[in-house]
């Protein structure tokens, strides 16, 4: 169960990074 929660956090963090990257790319 702990692993699942950890994986969820990692996935969410990765999603946030991708969103920021897309935003930065759009601005440039």
C-alpha atoms as a PDB file:
ATOM      1  CA  UNK A   1       0.000   0.000   0.000  1.00  0.00           C
ATOM      2  CA  UNK A   2       2.834   2.389   0.846  1.00  0.00           C
ATOM      3  CA  UNK A   3       4.414   1.719  -2.555  1.00  0.00           C
ATOM      4  CA  UNK A   4       1.147   2.578  -4.301  1.00  0.00           C
ATOM      5  CA  UNK A   5       0.859   5.903  -2.494  1.00  0.00           C
ATOM      6  CA  UNK A   6       4.495   6.693  -3.257  1.00  0.00           C
ATOM      7  CA  UNK A   7       3.972   5.844  -6.920  1.00  0.00           C
ATOM      8  CA  UNK A   8       0.925   8.122  -6.996  1.00  0.00           C
ATOM      9  CA  UNK A   9       2.969  11.031  -5.629  1.00  0.00           C
ATOM     10  CA  UNK A  10       5.740  10.428  -8.155  1.00  0.00           C
ATOM     11  CA  UNK A  11       3.244  10.275 -11.004  1.00  0.00           C
ATOM     12  CA  UNK A  12       1.592  13.517  -9.850  1.00  0.00           C
ATOM     13  CA  UNK A  13       4.966  15.237  -9.504  1.00  0.00           C
ATOM     14  CA  UNK A  14       5.944  14.060 -12.999  1.00  0.00           C
ATOM     15  CA  UNK A  15       2.631  15.374 -14.329  1.00  0.00           C
ATOM     16  CA  UNK A  16       3.313  18.757 -12.731  1.00  0.00           C
ATOM     17  CA  UNK A  17       6.762  18.882 -14.318  1.00  0.00           C
ATOM     18  CA  UNK A  18       5.292  18.063 -17.729  1.00  0.00           C
ATOM     19  CA  UNK A  19       2.681  20.814 -17.277  1.00  0.00           C
ATOM     20  CA  UNK A  20       5.376  23.355 -16.413  1.00  0.00           C
ATOM     21  CA  UNK A  21       7.466  22.225 -19.391  1.00  0.00           C
ATOM     22  CA  UNK A  22       4.502  22.616 -21.738  1.00  0.00           C
ATOM     23  CA  UNK A  23       3.792  26.058 -20.278  1.00  0.00           C
ATOM     24  CA  UNK A  24       7.411  27.183 -20.657  1.00  0.00           C
ATOM     25  CA  UNK A  25       7.535  25.827 -24.202  1.00  0.00           C
ATOM     26  CA  UNK A  26       4.323  27.689 -25.072  1.00  0.00           C
ATOM     27  CA  UNK A  27       5.663  30.964 -23.654  1.00  0.00           C
ATOM     28  CA  UNK A  28       8.888  30.629 -25.643  1.00  0.00           C
END
